[in-house]
Amino acid sequence: MADTRTNQVEDVNGSGIYRATGPFPPGPATVRSPAALAHPEERNVVSNSGQALETAALIAGRIIFGGYFLYNGINHFRNRKMLAEYARTKGTPAADLAVMASGALILAGGLSILTGSRPKIGSALISTFLVGVSPQMHAFWKEQNPQKRMQEMVNFSKNMALVGASLLAAARPEPWPWHIGAKSETAMVPAHS
């Protein structure tokens, strides 16, 4: 008796793998058994709601993460003298210049992440700041006082976690949803998927 089952080609429109229209990649299409394609309408609902959740999480993360660095970059300039004095106590050479340069790094990086404009460059700026500043400003291994050692260790660890978050942001493919695009620099536009 002949097998009457047929294989169906998986619909990848909107999956982010292939665009809905050509050109299509070379080679055969992905073929799945009918069992793997059971209830395609449920799969699309899950896919669309999952995509919406990812977009919402990315936008919220951009606001929090980018906003944090944007605020602190502005703070570097508003409180430059106080921060430069603190940096001097930590042995930072050219402390005033270091505060302005580090403020510029995180201000530009935070703005980039917040707007979604060139976020890989923004992530690199933030990571450069954190990796460059943390060993100088939060050298917990040099502290003799246990309370100060713990405080500096917490700040150092926090900064390394922020480096990790920055690297995760850099790993996200561009363009990001709702980024400020090159064609319309005054309006937020959704990314094409």
Protein backbone atom coordinates (compact mmCIF):
# COMPACT_ATOMS: atom_id res chain seq x y z
CA MET A 1 0.00 0.00 0.00
CA ALA A 2 1.42 3.37 -0.98
CA ASP A 3 2.13 6.03 1.64
CA THR A 4 -0.40 8.83 1.08
CA ARG A 5 1.20 11.32 3.50
CA THR A 6 2.73 14.38 1.92
CA ASN A 7 5.45 16.64 3.20
CA GLN A 8 4.78 20.36 3.42
CA VAL A 9 7.24 23.21 3.09
CA GLU A 10 7.50 25.22 6.30
CA ASP A 11 6.18 28.78 6.08
CA VAL A 12 9.04 31.04 7.14
CA ASN A 13 7.38 34.37 6.33
CA GLY A 14 7.89 36.72 9.23
CA SER A 15 10.21 34.34 11.03
CA GLY A 16 13.23 36.58 10.57
CA ILE A 17 14.98 33.77 8.68
CA TYR A 18 13.90 34.76 5.19
CA ARG A 19 12.09 37.80 3.93
CA ALA A 20 8.54 37.24 2.70
CA THR A 21 9.64 38.00 -0.86
CA GLY A 22 12.75 37.00 -2.83
CA PRO A 23 15.49 36.68 -3.50
CA PHE A 24 15.43 33.39 -1.68
CA PRO A 25 18.61 31.73 -0.48
CA PRO A 26 20.12 29.07 -2.71
CA GLY A 27 19.38 25.41 -2.05
CA PRO A 28 16.33 23.42 -1.10
CA ALA A 29 13.65 24.70 1.23
CA THR A 30 13.37 23.28 4.72
CA VAL A 31 10.90 20.40 4.60
CA ARG A 32 9.10 19.21 7.72
CA SER A 33 6.66 16.36 8.27
CA PRO A 34 2.96 17.15 8.71
CA ALA A 35 3.27 16.30 12.42
CA ALA A 36 5.89 19.02 12.84
CA LEU A 37 3.52 21.48 11.18
CA ALA A 38 0.51 20.63 13.35
CA HIS A 39 -1.68 23.61 14.12
CA PRO A 40 0.24 26.28 12.18
CA GLU A 41 -2.22 28.95 13.31
CA GLU A 42 -1.19 28.30 16.95
CA ARG A 43 2.46 28.50 15.95
CA ASN A 44 1.94 31.91 14.33
CA VAL A 45 0.10 33.26 17.40
CA VAL A 46 2.92 32.11 19.67
CA SER A 47 5.50 33.51 17.25
CA ASN A 48 3.78 36.90 16.96
CA SER A 49 3.19 37.28 20.70
CA GLY A 50 6.75 36.15 21.38
CA GLN A 51 8.05 38.71 18.90
CA ALA A 52 5.96 41.45 20.51
CA LEU A 53 7.26 40.48 23.94
CA GLU A 54 10.86 40.55 22.69
CA THR A 55 10.33 44.00 21.15
CA ALA A 56 8.74 45.33 24.35
CA ALA A 57 11.59 43.89 26.45
CA LEU A 58 14.19 45.38 24.12
CA ILE A 59 12.58 48.83 24.24
CA ALA A 60 12.24 48.73 28.05
CA GLY A 61 15.84 47.53 28.35
CA ARG A 62 17.03 50.31 26.06
CA ILE A 63 15.25 52.92 28.17
CA ILE A 64 16.68 51.57 31.44
CA PHE A 65 20.20 50.67 30.26
CA GLY A 66 20.71 53.54 27.82
CA GLY A 67 19.02 56.02 30.15
CA TYR A 68 21.31 54.99 33.02
CA PHE A 69 24.44 55.80 31.02
CA LEU A 70 22.94 58.92 29.43
CA TYR A 71 22.09 60.28 32.90
CA ASN A 72 25.52 59.42 34.32
CA GLY A 73 27.27 60.93 31.31
CA ILE A 74 25.42 64.21 31.88
CA ASN A 75 26.25 63.92 35.59
CA HIS A 76 29.98 63.66 34.73
CA PHE A 77 29.79 67.15 33.23
CA ARG A 78 27.44 68.68 35.81
CA ASN A 79 29.57 67.44 38.74
CA ARG A 80 32.93 67.44 36.96
CA LYS A 81 34.93 69.08 39.77
CA MET A 82 33.61 66.76 42.48
CA LEU A 83 34.14 63.64 40.33
CA ALA A 84 37.62 64.80 39.30
CA GLU A 85 38.57 65.23 42.96
CA TYR A 86 37.29 61.75 43.74
CA ALA A 87 39.25 60.35 40.77
CA ARG A 88 42.39 62.10 42.09
CA THR A 89 41.97 60.35 45.45
CA LYS A 90 42.00 57.06 43.53
CA GLY A 91 45.28 58.00 41.81
CA THR A 92 43.83 58.83 38.40
CA PRO A 93 46.27 60.89 36.31
CA ALA A 94 44.77 63.98 34.59
CA ALA A 95 41.60 63.42 36.60
CA ASP A 96 39.70 66.39 35.15
CA LEU A 97 40.35 65.27 31.57
CA ALA A 98 39.55 61.65 32.52
CA VAL A 99 36.16 62.66 33.95
CA MET A 100 35.26 64.62 30.80
CA ALA A 101 36.46 61.85 28.46
CA SER A 102 34.66 59.12 30.40
CA GLY A 103 31.55 61.29 30.58
CA ALA A 104 31.61 61.69 26.79
CA LEU A 105 31.98 57.91 26.33
CA ILE A 106 28.97 57.00 28.44
CA LEU A 107 26.85 59.92 27.27
CA ALA A 108 27.30 58.91 23.62
CA GLY A 109 26.97 55.20 24.43
CA GLY A 110 23.80 55.71 26.46
CA LEU A 111 22.24 57.89 23.76
CA SER A 112 23.10 55.26 21.13
CA ILE A 113 21.48 52.44 23.11
CA LEU A 114 18.45 54.54 24.04
CA THR A 115 17.72 55.57 20.45
CA GLY A 116 18.84 52.30 18.84
CA SER A 117 21.11 54.29 16.53
CA ARG A 118 24.35 52.37 15.93
CA PRO A 119 23.94 50.34 19.13
CA LYS A 120 27.05 48.22 18.50
CA ILE A 121 29.17 51.37 18.63
CA GLY A 122 27.26 52.54 21.72
CA SER A 123 27.90 49.20 23.40
CA ALA A 124 31.60 49.47 22.57
CA LEU A 125 31.76 52.96 24.10
CA ILE A 126 30.06 51.79 27.30
CA SER A 127 32.27 48.69 27.55
CA THR A 128 35.40 50.79 26.98
CA PHE A 129 34.38 53.07 29.83
CA LEU A 130 33.57 50.24 32.23
CA VAL A 131 36.63 48.11 31.48
CA GLY A 132 38.92 51.16 31.63
CA VAL A 133 37.54 52.73 34.80
CA SER A 134 36.70 49.76 37.02
CA PRO A 135 40.23 48.53 37.88
CA GLN A 136 41.29 52.09 38.77
CA MET A 137 38.23 53.30 40.65
CA HIS A 138 37.08 50.05 42.28
CA ALA A 139 40.32 48.18 43.03
CA PHE A 140 38.88 46.16 45.92
CA TRP A 141 42.01 44.01 46.07
CA LYS A 142 43.97 47.04 47.31
CA GLU A 143 41.62 47.84 50.21
CA GLN A 144 42.63 46.77 53.71
CA ASN A 145 39.44 47.84 55.47
CA PRO A 146 36.92 44.97 55.10
CA GLN A 147 33.93 47.31 54.75
CA LYS A 148 35.63 49.41 52.03
CA ARG A 149 36.85 46.24 50.34
CA MET A 150 33.28 44.89 50.20
CA GLN A 151 31.92 48.20 48.88
CA GLU A 152 34.52 48.36 46.11
CA MET A 153 33.99 44.68 45.28
CA VAL A 154 30.25 45.29 44.87
CA ASN A 155 30.91 48.27 42.57
CA PHE A 156 33.52 46.35 40.57
CA SER A 157 31.19 43.34 40.18
CA LYS A 158 28.28 45.62 39.18
CA ASN A 159 30.44 47.20 36.49
CA MET A 160 31.46 43.79 35.14
CA ALA A 161 27.77 42.80 35.00
CA LEU A 162 27.10 46.01 33.04
CA VAL A 163 29.91 45.02 30.64
CA GLY A 164 28.05 41.73 30.14
CA ALA A 165 24.80 43.58 29.47
CA SER A 166 26.59 45.83 27.01
CA LEU A 167 28.00 42.81 25.18
CA LEU A 168 24.51 41.28 25.03
CA ALA A 169 23.25 44.51 23.47
CA ALA A 170 26.09 44.38 20.95
CA ALA A 171 25.12 40.82 20.01
CA ARG A 172 21.57 41.88 19.01
CA PRO A 173 21.29 42.14 15.20
CA GLU A 174 20.73 45.59 13.76
CA PRO A 175 18.58 47.45 12.99
CA TRP A 176 16.75 47.38 16.30
CA PRO A 177 12.97 47.76 16.40
CA TRP A 178 11.88 51.37 16.84
CA HIS A 179 15.29 52.84 16.14
CA ILE A 180 16.03 56.31 14.86
CA GLY A 181 16.68 55.56 11.20
CA ALA A 182 18.91 57.27 8.69
CA LYS A 183 15.96 58.28 6.48
CA SER A 184 13.96 59.89 9.26
CA GLU A 185 16.22 61.28 11.96
CA THR A 186 13.42 63.03 13.82
CA ALA A 187 10.93 60.19 14.09
CA MET A 188 11.09 56.73 15.59
CA VAL A 189 10.54 54.11 12.94
CA PRO A 190 10.07 50.36 13.36
CA ALA A 191 12.75 48.09 11.91
CA HIS A 192 11.88 45.92 8.92
CA SER A 193 11.87 42.23 9.70
